[in-house]
Amino acid sequence: MNYKKLTKNLLDLVIKEYIDYYNDLEDGIWTYDLSYKRISQIMTMEDSLCLVQYDEDRPVGFLMAYYMTYDDLVGLFIEEILIFKDQQRKGYGKAFMTYVQELAKKEGASMVELISVNDQAHLEFYRSLGYYKADNLVLMGKDLE
């Protein structure tokens, strides 16, 4: 397994896989322009960490994250991890998360945070990596009309 920084040269590949995954498997309505904007927003953030995962020379997934500084620690917030739809259930997600956790620790982070889809498959995946539900936080939202 190897990992490369997500650059503009790799954007078209990632966007195609992003659209394929979310539109085919999650009933999304992603377009090229919307996907480009979403991914570019994270890529251009200060302290972002955006990587493409490769098995030999074949890309199998990507991750978007960024470091966040608090008063007493630095954390890595994982915005999104996507293993391409034809590469699912082969251990790539666990390998990617393990690599990113080790990298974050090496870079001085003392915690990793993420927001997960609230279904059994996602919860089991993250629990298998040692993640837990944060009891002190609640995701809040409001629809604007």
C-alpha atoms as a PDB file:
ATOM      1  CA  MET A   1       0.000   0.000   0.000  1.00  0.00           C
ATOM      2  CA  ASN A   2       1.232   3.498  -0.713  1.00  0.00           C
ATOM      3  CA  TYR A   3      -0.250   6.951  -0.321  1.00  0.00           C
ATOM      4  CA  LYS A   4       0.131  10.106  -2.368  1.00  0.00           C
ATOM      5  CA  LYS A   5      -0.983  13.633  -1.730  1.00  0.00           C
ATOM      6  CA  LEU A   6      -4.192  14.442  -3.606  1.00  0.00           C
ATOM      7  CA  THR A   7      -3.187  17.012  -6.212  1.00  0.00           C
ATOM      8  CA  LYS A   8      -5.035  18.741  -9.018  1.00  0.00           C
ATOM      9  CA  ASN A   9      -3.563  16.152 -11.411  1.00  0.00           C
ATOM     10  CA  LEU A  10      -5.474  13.405  -9.566  1.00  0.00           C
ATOM     11  CA  LEU A  11      -8.745  15.325  -9.190  1.00  0.00           C
ATOM     12  CA  ASP A  12     -10.467  13.936 -12.291  1.00  0.00           C
ATOM     13  CA  LEU A  13      -9.822  10.354 -11.171  1.00  0.00           C
ATOM     14  CA  VAL A  14     -11.093  11.023  -7.648  1.00  0.00           C
ATOM     15  CA  ILE A  15     -14.135  12.957  -8.873  1.00  0.00           C
ATOM     16  CA  LYS A  16     -15.145  10.141 -11.237  1.00  0.00           C
ATOM     17  CA  GLU A  17     -14.945   7.589  -8.420  1.00  0.00           C
ATOM     18  CA  TYR A  18     -16.739   9.958  -6.015  1.00  0.00           C
ATOM     19  CA  ILE A  19     -19.650  10.405  -8.426  1.00  0.00           C
ATOM     20  CA  ASP A  20     -19.785   6.663  -9.236  1.00  0.00           C
ATOM     21  CA  TYR A  21     -19.868   5.689  -5.573  1.00  0.00           C
ATOM     22  CA  TYR A  22     -22.336   8.221  -4.233  1.00  0.00           C
ATOM     23  CA  ASN A  23     -24.702   8.266  -7.206  1.00  0.00           C
ATOM     24  CA  ASP A  24     -24.776   4.478  -7.697  1.00  0.00           C
ATOM     25  CA  LEU A  25     -24.660   3.258  -4.111  1.00  0.00           C
ATOM     26  CA  GLU A  26     -26.069   6.144  -2.058  1.00  0.00           C
ATOM     27  CA  ASP A  27     -28.668   7.580  -4.479  1.00  0.00           C
ATOM     28  CA  GLY A  28     -26.763  10.850  -4.730  1.00  0.00           C
ATOM     29  CA  ILE A  29     -27.107  13.513  -7.390  1.00  0.00           C
ATOM     30  CA  TRP A  30     -23.464  14.531  -7.612  1.00  0.00           C
ATOM     31  CA  THR A  31     -22.234  16.270 -10.746  1.00  0.00           C
ATOM     32  CA  TYR A  32     -18.664  16.964 -11.782  1.00  0.00           C
ATOM     33  CA  ASP A  33     -18.929  20.616 -10.755  1.00  0.00           C
ATOM     34  CA  LEU A  34     -20.424  19.861  -7.331  1.00  0.00           C
ATOM     35  CA  SER A  35     -17.852  17.138  -6.643  1.00  0.00           C
ATOM     36  CA  TYR A  36     -15.004  19.376  -7.770  1.00  0.00           C
ATOM     37  CA  LYS A  37     -16.158  22.150  -5.462  1.00  0.00           C
ATOM     38  CA  ARG A  38     -16.570  19.840  -2.443  1.00  0.00           C
ATOM     39  CA  ILE A  39     -13.180  18.210  -2.828  1.00  0.00           C
ATOM     40  CA  SER A  40     -11.391  21.471  -3.699  1.00  0.00           C
ATOM     41  CA  GLN A  41     -12.808  23.170  -0.599  1.00  0.00           C
ATOM     42  CA  ILE A  42     -11.120  20.615   1.636  1.00  0.00           C
ATOM     43  CA  MET A  43      -7.908  20.439  -0.429  1.00  0.00           C
ATOM     44  CA  THR A  44      -7.339  24.188  -0.158  1.00  0.00           C
ATOM     45  CA  MET A  45      -8.002  24.484   3.583  1.00  0.00           C
ATOM     46  CA  GLU A  46      -5.091  25.406   5.792  1.00  0.00           C
ATOM     47  CA  ASP A  47      -3.623  22.264   7.371  1.00  0.00           C
ATOM     48  CA  SER A  48      -5.561  19.911   5.088  1.00  0.00           C
ATOM     49  CA  LEU A  49      -4.497  16.319   4.609  1.00  0.00           C
ATOM     50  CA  CYS A  50      -5.863  14.861   1.371  1.00  0.00           C
ATOM     51  CA  LEU A  51      -4.465  11.546   0.194  1.00  0.00           C
ATOM     52  CA  VAL A  52      -5.015   8.930  -2.493  1.00  0.00           C
ATOM     53  CA  GLN A  53      -4.426   5.298  -1.528  1.00  0.00           C
ATOM     54  CA  TYR A  54      -2.772   2.937  -4.007  1.00  0.00           C
ATOM     55  CA  ASP A  55      -2.399  -0.822  -4.125  1.00  0.00           C
ATOM     56  CA  GLU A  56       0.768  -1.076  -6.184  1.00  0.00           C
ATOM     57  CA  ASP A  57       0.013   1.501  -8.909  1.00  0.00           C
ATOM     58  CA  ARG A  58      -3.800   1.160  -8.868  1.00  0.00           C
ATOM     59  CA  PRO A  59      -5.730   3.855  -6.947  1.00  0.00           C
ATOM     60  CA  VAL A  60      -8.241   2.292  -4.537  1.00  0.00           C
ATOM     61  CA  GLY A  61      -9.484   5.163  -2.367  1.00  0.00           C
ATOM     62  CA  PHE A  62      -9.017   8.658  -1.064  1.00  0.00           C
ATOM     63  CA  LEU A  63      -9.331  10.593   2.167  1.00  0.00           C
ATOM     64  CA  MET A  64      -9.938  14.239   3.021  1.00  0.00           C
ATOM     65  CA  ALA A  65      -9.042  15.535   6.473  1.00  0.00           C
ATOM     66  CA  TYR A  66      -7.607  18.561   8.225  1.00  0.00           C
ATOM     67  CA  TYR A  67      -5.772  19.338  11.415  1.00  0.00           C
ATOM     68  CA  MET A  68      -7.620  21.392  14.021  1.00  0.00           C
ATOM     69  CA  THR A  69      -5.928  23.255  16.850  1.00  0.00           C
ATOM     70  CA  TYR A  70      -7.583  23.479  20.250  1.00  0.00           C
ATOM     71  CA  ASP A  71      -6.338  25.148  23.414  1.00  0.00           C
ATOM     72  CA  ASP A  72      -4.822  21.939  24.738  1.00  0.00           C
ATOM     73  CA  LEU A  73      -4.256  19.670  21.729  1.00  0.00           C
ATOM     74  CA  VAL A  74      -4.166  19.207  17.980  1.00  0.00           C
ATOM     75  CA  GLY A  75      -6.650  16.841  16.400  1.00  0.00           C
ATOM     76  CA  LEU A  76      -7.200  15.479  12.932  1.00  0.00           C
ATOM     77  CA  PHE A  77     -10.763  15.714  11.666  1.00  0.00           C
ATOM     78  CA  ILE A  78     -11.520  13.196   8.917  1.00  0.00           C
ATOM     79  CA  GLU A  79     -14.032  14.828   6.637  1.00  0.00           C
ATOM     80  CA  GLU A  80     -14.390  11.853   4.342  1.00  0.00           C
ATOM     81  CA  ILE A  81     -12.836   8.531   3.442  1.00  0.00           C
ATOM     82  CA  LEU A  82     -13.950   6.749   0.310  1.00  0.00           C
ATOM     83  CA  ILE A  83     -12.796   3.366  -0.876  1.00  0.00           C
ATOM     84  CA  PHE A  84     -13.781   3.075  -4.526  1.00  0.00           C
ATOM     85  CA  LYS A  85     -16.876   0.963  -5.050  1.00  0.00           C
ATOM     86  CA  ASP A  86     -15.140  -1.938  -6.806  1.00  0.00           C
ATOM     87  CA  GLN A  87     -12.484  -2.050  -4.053  1.00  0.00           C
ATOM     88  CA  GLN A  88     -14.768  -2.317  -1.012  1.00  0.00           C
ATOM     89  CA  ARG A  89     -14.387  -5.071   1.610  1.00  0.00           C
ATOM     90  CA  LYS A  90     -10.769  -5.842   0.786  1.00  0.00           C
ATOM     91  CA  GLY A  91      -9.179  -4.263   3.873  1.00  0.00           C
ATOM     92  CA  TYR A  92      -8.270  -0.994   2.184  1.00  0.00           C
ATOM     93  CA  GLY A  93     -10.362   1.136   4.542  1.00  0.00           C
ATOM     94  CA  LYS A  94      -8.736  -0.283   7.666  1.00  0.00           C
ATOM     95  CA  ALA A  95      -5.276   0.043   6.121  1.00  0.00           C
ATOM     96  CA  PHE A  96      -5.995   3.667   5.150  1.00  0.00           C
ATOM     97  CA  MET A  97      -7.335   4.600   8.583  1.00  0.00           C
ATOM     98  CA  THR A  98      -4.372   2.936  10.307  1.00  0.00           C
ATOM     99  CA  TYR A  99      -1.921   4.794   8.088  1.00  0.00           C
ATOM    100  CA  VAL A 100      -3.641   8.144   8.667  1.00  0.00           C
ATOM    101  CA  GLN A 101      -3.792   7.623  12.438  1.00  0.00           C
ATOM    102  CA  GLU A 102      -0.054   6.870  12.533  1.00  0.00           C
ATOM    103  CA  LEU A 103       0.697   9.882  10.326  1.00  0.00           C
ATOM    104  CA  ALA A 104      -1.438  12.181  12.480  1.00  0.00           C
ATOM    105  CA  LYS A 105       0.317  11.013  15.633  1.00  0.00           C
ATOM    106  CA  LYS A 106       3.711  11.566  14.002  1.00  0.00           C
ATOM    107  CA  GLU A 107       2.588  15.082  13.035  1.00  0.00           C
ATOM    108  CA  GLY A 108       1.699  15.887  16.658  1.00  0.00           C
ATOM    109  CA  ALA A 109      -2.034  15.177  16.756  1.00  0.00           C
ATOM    110  CA  SER A 110      -3.319  13.492  19.881  1.00  0.00           C
ATOM    111  CA  MET A 111      -6.796  12.600  18.646  1.00  0.00           C
ATOM    112  CA  VAL A 112      -8.778  11.812  15.511  1.00  0.00           C
ATOM    113  CA  GLU A 113     -12.411  12.831  15.063  1.00  0.00           C
ATOM    114  CA  LEU A 114     -14.964  12.085  12.390  1.00  0.00           C
ATOM    115  CA  ILE A 115     -18.690  12.044  11.791  1.00  0.00           C
ATOM    116  CA  SER A 116     -20.041   8.700  10.645  1.00  0.00           C
ATOM    117  CA  VAL A 117     -23.202   7.574   8.962  1.00  0.00           C
ATOM    118  CA  ASN A 118     -25.383   6.141  11.710  1.00  0.00           C
ATOM    119  CA  ASP A 119     -25.783   2.576  10.463  1.00  0.00           C
ATOM    120  CA  GLN A 120     -24.506  -0.766  11.684  1.00  0.00           C
ATOM    121  CA  ALA A 121     -21.877  -1.253   8.974  1.00  0.00           C
ATOM    122  CA  HIS A 122     -20.199   2.113   9.558  1.00  0.00           C
ATOM    123  CA  LEU A 123     -20.388   1.849  13.349  1.00  0.00           C
ATOM    124  CA  GLU A 124     -18.868  -1.643  13.315  1.00  0.00           C
ATOM    125  CA  PHE A 125     -16.106  -0.513  10.942  1.00  0.00           C
ATOM    126  CA  TYR A 126     -15.058   2.390  13.155  1.00  0.00           C
ATOM    127  CA  ARG A 127     -15.450   0.419  16.390  1.00  0.00           C
ATOM    128  CA  SER A 128     -13.136  -2.244  14.967  1.00  0.00           C
ATOM    129  CA  LEU A 129     -10.509   0.509  14.745  1.00  0.00           C
ATOM    130  CA  GLY A 130     -11.047   1.629  18.340  1.00  0.00           C
ATOM    131  CA  TYR A 131     -13.402   4.559  17.711  1.00  0.00           C
ATOM    132  CA  TYR A 132     -16.261   5.282  20.094  1.00  0.00           C
ATOM    133  CA  LYS A 133     -19.373   7.433  20.054  1.00  0.00           C
ATOM    134  CA  ALA A 134     -18.673  10.766  21.699  1.00  0.00           C
ATOM    135  CA  ASP A 135     -21.204  11.254  24.468  1.00  0.00           C
ATOM    136  CA  ASN A 136     -20.384  14.918  24.976  1.00  0.00           C
ATOM    137  CA  LEU A 137     -21.253  16.056  21.439  1.00  0.00           C
ATOM    138  CA  VAL A 138     -24.471  16.142  19.454  1.00  0.00           C
ATOM    139  CA  LEU A 139     -24.623  16.862  15.736  1.00  0.00           C
ATOM    140  CA  MET A 140     -26.998  19.782  15.301  1.00  0.00           C
ATOM    141  CA  GLY A 141     -28.653  20.902  12.064  1.00  0.00           C
ATOM    142  CA  LYS A 142     -31.266  23.272  10.752  1.00  0.00           C
ATOM    143  CA  ASP A 143     -32.919  23.436   7.357  1.00  0.00           C
ATOM    144  CA  LEU A 144     -33.018  26.965   5.966  1.00  0.00           C
ATOM    145  CA  GLU A 145     -36.198  27.795   4.096  1.00  0.00           C
END
